[in-house]
Amino acid sequence: MTFWSIWWVWMIGALILAILEVLVPAQVFLGFAIGAALVGLALMAGIPGLAGSLSALALAFAVASLLAWILVRRLMGIRKGQVKHFDHDINED
């Protein structure tokens, strides 16, 4: 069993990425954290074929992270039709 096929390693990675998202709020690390958590849950559930291959784990992580990022952007991102207006220039007095 390799290091990458242990479920709790992915959960710790998800926790670290979630903490990083709190420190650097960019809504990017949250997608990666959710992707890592989903891969960890899949490994814990024992999905066949996932634990044996690093490439399968990387693909599952990439797809889960992309889908999670898209979902996070839809839920928390700029709404359709929302425009930011600036009334003044901060450099002018």
N, C-alpha and C. Protein backbone atom coordinates (compact mmCIF):
# COMPACT_ATOMS: atom_id res chain seq x y z
N MET A 1 0.86 -1.18 0.00
CA MET A 1 0.00 0.00 0.00
C MET A 1 0.90 1.24 0.00
N THR A 2 0.67 2.12 -0.95
CA THR A 2 1.47 3.33 -1.04
C THR A 2 0.89 4.41 -0.14
N PHE A 3 1.70 5.40 0.07
CA PHE A 3 1.31 6.53 0.92
C PHE A 3 0.08 7.25 0.38
N TRP A 4 -0.02 7.36 -0.94
CA TRP A 4 -1.13 8.11 -1.55
C TRP A 4 -2.45 7.37 -1.54
N SER A 5 -2.41 6.08 -1.27
CA SER A 5 -3.66 5.32 -1.28
C SER A 5 -4.26 5.14 0.12
N ILE A 6 -3.78 5.89 1.08
CA ILE A 6 -4.32 5.85 2.44
C ILE A 6 -5.34 6.98 2.57
N TRP A 7 -6.54 6.64 3.02
CA TRP A 7 -7.63 7.61 3.01
C TRP A 7 -7.38 8.79 3.93
N TRP A 8 -6.78 8.56 5.09
CA TRP A 8 -6.60 9.66 6.05
C TRP A 8 -5.55 10.66 5.58
N VAL A 9 -4.66 10.25 4.69
CA VAL A 9 -3.69 11.20 4.11
C VAL A 9 -4.43 12.24 3.29
N TRP A 10 -5.43 11.79 2.53
CA TRP A 10 -6.22 12.72 1.73
C TRP A 10 -7.07 13.63 2.62
N MET A 11 -7.56 13.11 3.74
CA MET A 11 -8.36 13.92 4.66
C MET A 11 -7.50 14.99 5.33
N ILE A 12 -6.27 14.64 5.69
CA ILE A 12 -5.36 15.63 6.27
C ILE A 12 -5.03 16.69 5.22
N GLY A 13 -4.82 16.26 3.98
CA GLY A 13 -4.58 17.21 2.90
C GLY A 13 -5.77 18.15 2.71
N ALA A 14 -6.97 17.60 2.79
CA ALA A 14 -8.18 18.42 2.68
C ALA A 14 -8.26 19.43 3.81
N LEU A 15 -7.91 19.01 5.01
CA LEU A 15 -7.93 19.92 6.16
C LEU A 15 -6.91 21.04 5.99
N ILE A 16 -5.71 20.70 5.52
CA ILE A 16 -4.68 21.72 5.30
C ILE A 16 -5.12 22.71 4.23
N LEU A 17 -5.72 22.20 3.15
CA LEU A 17 -6.20 23.09 2.09
C LEU A 17 -7.36 23.97 2.57
N ALA A 18 -8.22 23.44 3.42
CA ALA A 18 -9.32 24.23 3.97
C ALA A 18 -8.80 25.34 4.88
N ILE A 19 -7.78 25.04 5.68
CA ILE A 19 -7.16 26.07 6.52
C ILE A 19 -6.50 27.13 5.66
N LEU A 20 -5.85 26.70 4.59
CA LEU A 20 -5.22 27.64 3.67
C LEU A 20 -6.26 28.54 3.01
N GLU A 21 -7.44 28.00 2.75
CA GLU A 21 -8.52 28.81 2.17
C GLU A 21 -8.96 29.90 3.15
N VAL A 22 -8.96 29.59 4.44
CA VAL A 22 -9.33 30.60 5.44
C VAL A 22 -8.28 31.70 5.49
N LEU A 23 -7.01 31.31 5.37
CA LEU A 23 -5.93 32.30 5.43
C LEU A 23 -5.83 33.13 4.15
N VAL A 24 -6.10 32.52 3.01
CA VAL A 24 -6.02 33.19 1.72
C VAL A 24 -7.37 32.99 1.03
N PRO A 25 -8.35 33.84 1.33
CA PRO A 25 -9.70 33.61 0.79
C PRO A 25 -9.78 33.92 -0.71
N ALA A 26 -9.57 32.90 -1.52
CA ALA A 26 -9.62 33.09 -2.96
C ALA A 26 -10.61 32.14 -3.62
N GLN A 27 -11.27 31.31 -2.86
CA GLN A 27 -12.22 30.31 -3.33
C GLN A 27 -11.58 29.33 -4.30
N VAL A 28 -10.27 29.20 -4.28
CA VAL A 28 -9.58 28.22 -5.10
C VAL A 28 -9.22 27.01 -4.25
N PHE A 29 -8.65 27.27 -3.09
CA PHE A 29 -8.24 26.18 -2.22
C PHE A 29 -9.43 25.39 -1.68
N LEU A 30 -10.58 26.02 -1.60
CA LEU A 30 -11.78 25.32 -1.13
C LEU A 30 -12.17 24.21 -2.10
N GLY A 31 -12.07 24.47 -3.39
CA GLY A 31 -12.35 23.44 -4.39
C GLY A 31 -11.39 22.27 -4.27
N PHE A 32 -10.10 22.57 -4.07
CA PHE A 32 -9.11 21.52 -3.89
C PHE A 32 -9.36 20.76 -2.59
N ALA A 33 -9.76 21.46 -1.54
CA ALA A 33 -10.05 20.80 -0.26
C ALA A 33 -11.23 19.83 -0.40
N ILE A 34 -12.26 20.27 -1.09
CA ILE A 34 -13.42 19.40 -1.29
C ILE A 34 -13.04 18.21 -2.15
N GLY A 35 -12.22 18.45 -3.19
CA GLY A 35 -11.76 17.35 -4.04
C GLY A 35 -10.95 16.33 -3.27
N ALA A 36 -10.06 16.81 -2.40
CA ALA A 36 -9.25 15.89 -1.59
C ALA A 36 -10.12 15.12 -0.61
N ALA A 37 -11.12 15.78 -0.04
CA ALA A 37 -12.02 15.09 0.89
C ALA A 37 -12.84 14.03 0.16
N LEU A 38 -13.28 14.33 -1.05
CA LEU A 38 -14.04 13.34 -1.81
C LEU A 38 -13.19 12.13 -2.18
N VAL A 39 -11.94 12.36 -2.53
CA VAL A 39 -11.04 11.24 -2.82
C VAL A 39 -10.80 10.43 -1.54
N GLY A 40 -10.62 11.11 -0.42
CA GLY A 40 -10.45 10.41 0.85
C GLY A 40 -11.66 9.57 1.20
N LEU A 41 -12.85 10.11 0.98
CA LEU A 41 -14.07 9.35 1.25
C LEU A 41 -14.20 8.16 0.31
N ALA A 42 -13.80 8.36 -0.96
CA ALA A 42 -13.85 7.25 -1.92
C ALA A 42 -12.89 6.14 -1.53
N LEU A 43 -11.71 6.51 -1.05
CA LEU A 43 -10.75 5.50 -0.59
C LEU A 43 -11.26 4.80 0.66
N MET A 44 -11.89 5.56 1.55
CA MET A 44 -12.42 4.97 2.77
C MET A 44 -13.56 4.00 2.45
N ALA A 45 -14.35 4.33 1.42
CA ALA A 45 -15.45 3.45 1.02
C ALA A 45 -14.95 2.22 0.28
N GLY A 46 -13.70 2.27 -0.18
CA GLY A 46 -13.13 1.11 -0.85
C GLY A 46 -13.55 0.95 -2.29
N ILE A 47 -13.65 2.05 -3.01
CA ILE A 47 -14.00 1.99 -4.44
C ILE A 47 -12.90 1.22 -5.17
N PRO A 48 -13.27 0.17 -5.89
CA PRO A 48 -12.25 -0.67 -6.53
C PRO A 48 -11.51 0.06 -7.65
N GLY A 49 -10.21 -0.21 -7.75
CA GLY A 49 -9.39 0.35 -8.81
C GLY A 49 -8.81 1.71 -8.48
N LEU A 50 -9.28 2.35 -7.43
CA LEU A 50 -8.80 3.69 -7.12
C LEU A 50 -7.53 3.64 -6.29
N ALA A 51 -7.45 2.75 -5.36
CA ALA A 51 -6.31 2.70 -4.44
C ALA A 51 -5.04 2.15 -5.07
N GLY A 52 -5.15 1.43 -6.17
CA GLY A 52 -3.98 0.79 -6.73
C GLY A 52 -3.16 1.65 -7.66
N SER A 53 -3.68 2.77 -8.11
CA SER A 53 -3.01 3.54 -9.14
C SER A 53 -2.92 5.01 -8.76
N LEU A 54 -1.70 5.55 -8.81
CA LEU A 54 -1.52 6.97 -8.54
C LEU A 54 -2.18 7.83 -9.62
N SER A 55 -2.14 7.37 -10.86
CA SER A 55 -2.77 8.14 -11.94
C SER A 55 -4.28 8.18 -11.78
N ALA A 56 -4.89 7.08 -11.32
CA ALA A 56 -6.34 7.08 -11.07
C ALA A 56 -6.69 8.02 -9.92
N LEU A 57 -5.86 8.05 -8.89
CA LEU A 57 -6.08 8.97 -7.77
C LEU A 57 -5.95 10.42 -8.22
N ALA A 58 -4.93 10.70 -9.03
CA ALA A 58 -4.72 12.07 -9.52
C ALA A 58 -5.88 12.51 -10.40
N LEU A 59 -6.37 11.61 -11.25
CA LEU A 59 -7.50 11.94 -12.12
C LEU A 59 -8.77 12.18 -11.29
N ALA A 60 -9.00 11.32 -10.31
CA ALA A 60 -10.18 11.49 -9.45
C ALA A 60 -10.10 12.80 -8.68
N PHE A 61 -8.92 13.12 -8.19
CA PHE A 61 -8.73 14.38 -7.46
C PHE A 61 -8.94 15.58 -8.37
N ALA A 62 -8.41 15.53 -9.59
CA ALA A 62 -8.57 16.65 -10.52
C ALA A 62 -10.03 16.85 -10.90
N VAL A 63 -10.72 15.79 -11.21
CA VAL A 63 -12.13 15.91 -11.62
C VAL A 63 -12.99 16.38 -10.44
N ALA A 64 -12.78 15.80 -9.26
CA ALA A 64 -13.56 16.21 -8.08
C ALA A 64 -13.27 17.66 -7.72
N SER A 65 -12.03 18.08 -7.82
CA SER A 65 -11.67 19.46 -7.49
C SER A 65 -12.28 20.44 -8.49
N LEU A 66 -12.25 20.09 -9.76
CA LEU A 66 -12.83 20.97 -10.78
C LEU A 66 -14.33 21.12 -10.58
N LEU A 67 -15.01 20.01 -10.36
CA LEU A 67 -16.45 20.08 -10.13
C LEU A 67 -16.79 20.85 -8.85
N ALA A 68 -16.00 20.65 -7.81
CA ALA A 68 -16.23 21.38 -6.56
C ALA A 68 -15.96 22.86 -6.75
N TRP A 69 -14.91 23.21 -7.50
CA TRP A 69 -14.60 24.62 -7.75
C TRP A 69 -15.73 25.29 -8.53
N ILE A 70 -16.25 24.60 -9.55
CA ILE A 70 -17.36 25.16 -10.33
C ILE A 70 -18.57 25.37 -9.44
N LEU A 71 -18.86 24.41 -8.57
CA LEU A 71 -20.00 24.54 -7.66
C LEU A 71 -19.80 25.69 -6.68
N VAL A 72 -18.60 25.82 -6.14
CA VAL A 72 -18.30 26.92 -5.20
C VAL A 72 -18.43 28.26 -5.90
N ARG A 73 -17.93 28.37 -7.14
CA ARG A 73 -18.03 29.63 -7.88
C ARG A 73 -19.50 29.97 -8.17
N ARG A 74 -20.29 28.95 -8.46
CA ARG A 74 -21.73 29.21 -8.70
C ARG A 74 -22.43 29.69 -7.45
N LEU A 75 -22.09 29.09 -6.32
CA LEU A 75 -22.76 29.43 -5.07
C LEU A 75 -22.26 30.73 -4.45
N MET A 76 -20.94 31.00 -4.54
CA MET A 76 -20.36 32.14 -3.83
C MET A 76 -19.76 33.19 -4.74
N GLY A 77 -19.69 32.95 -6.02
CA GLY A 77 -19.03 33.88 -6.92
C GLY A 77 -19.89 35.08 -7.27
N ILE A 78 -19.42 35.85 -8.22
CA ILE A 78 -20.18 37.01 -8.68
C ILE A 78 -21.43 36.52 -9.39
N ARG A 79 -22.54 37.10 -9.01
CA ARG A 79 -23.81 36.71 -9.62
C ARG A 79 -23.91 37.25 -11.04
N LYS A 80 -24.69 36.58 -11.86
CA LYS A 80 -24.89 37.00 -13.24
C LYS A 80 -25.57 38.36 -13.26
N GLY A 81 -24.99 39.28 -13.99
CA GLY A 81 -25.53 40.62 -14.09
C GLY A 81 -25.02 41.57 -13.01
N GLN A 82 -24.26 41.07 -12.07
CA GLN A 82 -23.71 41.90 -11.00
C GLN A 82 -22.47 42.60 -11.51
N VAL A 83 -22.46 43.93 -11.36
CA VAL A 83 -21.34 44.73 -11.82
C VAL A 83 -20.85 45.58 -10.66
N LYS A 84 -19.56 45.67 -10.51
CA LYS A 84 -18.99 46.50 -9.44
C LYS A 84 -18.77 47.90 -9.99
N HIS A 85 -19.32 48.89 -9.30
CA HIS A 85 -19.20 50.29 -9.71
C HIS A 85 -18.28 51.02 -8.75
N PHE A 86 -17.41 51.84 -9.30
CA PHE A 86 -16.53 52.68 -8.50
C PHE A 86 -16.98 54.12 -8.65
N ASP A 87 -17.30 54.78 -7.53
CA ASP A 87 -17.78 56.16 -7.55
C ASP A 87 -16.66 57.16 -7.45
N HIS A 88 -15.52 56.75 -6.92
CA HIS A 88 -14.41 57.67 -6.76
C HIS A 88 -13.08 56.94 -6.91
N ASP A 89 -12.06 57.71 -7.16
CA ASP A 89 -10.72 57.15 -7.28
C ASP A 89 -10.01 57.32 -5.94
N ILE A 90 -9.43 56.25 -5.43
CA ILE A 90 -8.79 56.34 -4.12
C ILE A 90 -7.52 57.19 -4.16
N ASN A 91 -6.99 57.46 -5.35
CA ASN A 91 -5.78 58.26 -5.48
C ASN A 91 -6.07 59.76 -5.52
N GLU A 92 -7.33 60.13 -5.75
CA GLU A 92 -7.69 61.53 -5.78
C GLU A 92 -8.13 61.99 -4.39
N ASP A 93 -7.83 63.22 -4.10
CA ASP A 93 -8.24 63.78 -2.81
C ASP A 93 -9.34 64.78 -2.95
